[in-house]
């Protein structure tokens, strides 16, 4: 299981790669990796809120998604972005 420190490190690595690709005029790939970096950083933030060094379990993510979807908000699909897998 990835720890919060692992997620933060991976986020920084992907951001560094995105910057390198942008400087090499590979904007599409840079955009993709920058988005992935943000995703990893968000996971690290959530891991900090849930438990100091772990990613939340799938059941917890599903419960959050279920509660959110009962509100008058756009649908939340956390599993589709890598949470709960």
C-alpha atoms as a PDB file:
ATOM      1  CA  UNK A   1       0.000   0.000   0.000  1.00  0.00           C
ATOM      2  CA  UNK A   2       1.281   3.454  -0.850  1.00  0.00           C
ATOM      3  CA  UNK A   3       2.002   5.766   2.045  1.00  0.00           C
ATOM      4  CA  UNK A   4       1.351   9.498   2.097  1.00  0.00           C
ATOM      5  CA  UNK A   5       5.086  10.111   1.651  1.00  0.00           C
ATOM      6  CA  UNK A   6       5.082   7.842  -1.420  1.00  0.00           C
ATOM      7  CA  UNK A   7       2.162   9.762  -2.909  1.00  0.00           C
ATOM      8  CA  UNK A   8       3.851  13.120  -2.306  1.00  0.00           C
ATOM      9  CA  UNK A   9       7.071  11.873  -3.882  1.00  0.00           C
ATOM     10  CA  UNK A  10       5.248  10.462  -6.918  1.00  0.00           C
ATOM     11  CA  UNK A  11       3.321  13.719  -7.327  1.00  0.00           C
ATOM     12  CA  UNK A  12       6.571  15.696  -7.396  1.00  0.00           C
ATOM     13  CA  UNK A  13       8.214  13.286  -9.845  1.00  0.00           C
ATOM     14  CA  UNK A  14       5.236  13.507 -12.228  1.00  0.00           C
ATOM     15  CA  UNK A  15       5.226  17.312 -11.956  1.00  0.00           C
ATOM     16  CA  UNK A  16       8.956  17.424 -12.743  1.00  0.00           C
ATOM     17  CA  UNK A  17       8.327  15.182 -15.760  1.00  0.00           C
ATOM     18  CA  UNK A  18       5.455  17.431 -16.881  1.00  0.00           C
ATOM     19  CA  UNK A  19       7.672  20.502 -16.700  1.00  0.00           C
ATOM     20  CA  UNK A  20      10.374  18.735 -18.707  1.00  0.00           C
ATOM     21  CA  UNK A  21       7.865  17.703 -21.369  1.00  0.00           C
ATOM     22  CA  UNK A  22       6.421  21.223 -21.588  1.00  0.00           C
ATOM     23  CA  UNK A  23       9.909  22.638 -22.097  1.00  0.00           C
ATOM     24  CA  UNK A  24      10.367  20.098 -24.906  1.00  0.00           C
ATOM     25  CA  UNK A  25       7.162  21.376 -26.578  1.00  0.00           C
ATOM     26  CA  UNK A  26       5.261  18.169 -25.710  1.00  0.00           C
ATOM     27  CA  UNK A  27       2.258  20.012 -24.315  1.00  0.00           C
ATOM     28  CA  UNK A  28      -0.266  17.196 -24.568  1.00  0.00           C
ATOM     29  CA  UNK A  29       1.903  14.788 -22.603  1.00  0.00           C
ATOM     30  CA  UNK A  30       2.852  17.530 -20.154  1.00  0.00           C
ATOM     31  CA  UNK A  31      -0.816  18.297 -19.532  1.00  0.00           C
ATOM     32  CA  UNK A  32      -1.569  14.623 -18.876  1.00  0.00           C
ATOM     33  CA  UNK A  33       1.282  14.205 -16.391  1.00  0.00           C
ATOM     34  CA  UNK A  34       0.454  17.476 -14.644  1.00  0.00           C
ATOM     35  CA  UNK A  35      -3.089  16.197 -14.115  1.00  0.00           C
ATOM     36  CA  UNK A  36      -1.745  12.931 -12.764  1.00  0.00           C
ATOM     37  CA  UNK A  37       0.474  14.898 -10.397  1.00  0.00           C
ATOM     38  CA  UNK A  38      -2.553  16.787  -9.080  1.00  0.00           C
ATOM     39  CA  UNK A  39      -4.424  13.508  -8.618  1.00  0.00           C
ATOM     40  CA  UNK A  40      -1.562  12.056  -6.570  1.00  0.00           C
ATOM     41  CA  UNK A  41      -1.295  15.236  -4.489  1.00  0.00           C
ATOM     42  CA  UNK A  42      -5.028  15.112  -3.748  1.00  0.00           C
ATOM     43  CA  UNK A  43      -4.713  11.491  -2.672  1.00  0.00           C
ATOM     44  CA  UNK A  44      -1.904  12.510  -0.306  1.00  0.00           C
ATOM     45  CA  UNK A  45      -4.127  15.227   1.170  1.00  0.00           C
ATOM     46  CA  UNK A  46      -7.003  12.813   1.646  1.00  0.00           C
ATOM     47  CA  UNK A  47      -4.686  10.236   3.206  1.00  0.00           C
ATOM     48  CA  UNK A  48      -3.577  12.864   5.714  1.00  0.00           C
ATOM     49  CA  UNK A  49      -7.193  13.580   6.670  1.00  0.00           C
ATOM     50  CA  UNK A  50      -8.238   9.945   6.898  1.00  0.00           C
ATOM     51  CA  UNK A  51      -5.212   8.230   8.378  1.00  0.00           C
ATOM     52  CA  UNK A  52      -1.749   9.683   8.570  1.00  0.00           C
ATOM     53  CA  UNK A  53       0.057   7.291   6.238  1.00  0.00           C
ATOM     54  CA  UNK A  54      -2.434   5.303   4.163  1.00  0.00           C
ATOM     55  CA  UNK A  55      -4.899   5.640   1.327  1.00  0.00           C
ATOM     56  CA  UNK A  56      -8.501   5.091   2.436  1.00  0.00           C
ATOM     57  CA  UNK A  57     -10.066   1.712   1.739  1.00  0.00           C
ATOM     58  CA  UNK A  58     -12.533   1.216  -1.106  1.00  0.00           C
ATOM     59  CA  UNK A  59     -15.544   0.924   1.229  1.00  0.00           C
ATOM     60  CA  UNK A  60     -14.798   4.329   2.745  1.00  0.00           C
ATOM     61  CA  UNK A  61     -14.467   5.962  -0.663  1.00  0.00           C
ATOM     62  CA  UNK A  62     -17.722   4.357  -1.781  1.00  0.00           C
ATOM     63  CA  UNK A  63     -19.457   5.698   1.342  1.00  0.00           C
ATOM     64  CA  UNK A  64     -18.214   9.236   0.599  1.00  0.00           C
ATOM     65  CA  UNK A  65     -19.376   8.943  -3.004  1.00  0.00           C
ATOM     66  CA  UNK A  66     -22.780   7.639  -1.916  1.00  0.00           C
ATOM     67  CA  UNK A  67     -23.315  10.479   0.574  1.00  0.00           C
ATOM     68  CA  UNK A  68     -22.187  13.083  -1.943  1.00  0.00           C
ATOM     69  CA  UNK A  69     -24.486  11.748  -4.645  1.00  0.00           C
ATOM     70  CA  UNK A  70     -27.492  12.211  -2.338  1.00  0.00           C
ATOM     71  CA  UNK A  71     -26.839  15.957  -2.322  1.00  0.00           C
ATOM     72  CA  UNK A  72     -27.916  18.338  -5.103  1.00  0.00           C
ATOM     73  CA  UNK A  73     -24.397  18.390  -6.563  1.00  0.00           C
ATOM     74  CA  UNK A  74     -22.836  17.040  -9.744  1.00  0.00           C
ATOM     75  CA  UNK A  75     -22.098  13.279  -9.470  1.00  0.00           C
ATOM     76  CA  UNK A  76     -18.873  12.354  -7.731  1.00  0.00           C
ATOM     77  CA  UNK A  77     -17.052   9.359  -9.186  1.00  0.00           C
ATOM     78  CA  UNK A  78     -13.972   8.919  -6.996  1.00  0.00           C
ATOM     79  CA  UNK A  79     -13.333   5.345  -8.102  1.00  0.00           C
ATOM     80  CA  UNK A  80     -13.015   6.529 -11.703  1.00  0.00           C
ATOM     81  CA  UNK A  81      -9.975   8.628 -10.758  1.00  0.00           C
ATOM     82  CA  UNK A  82      -8.172   5.942  -8.838  1.00  0.00           C
ATOM     83  CA  UNK A  83      -9.607   6.084  -5.321  1.00  0.00           C
ATOM     84  CA  UNK A  84     -10.899   2.852  -3.909  1.00  0.00           C
ATOM     85  CA  UNK A  85      -9.019   0.541  -6.296  1.00  0.00           C
END
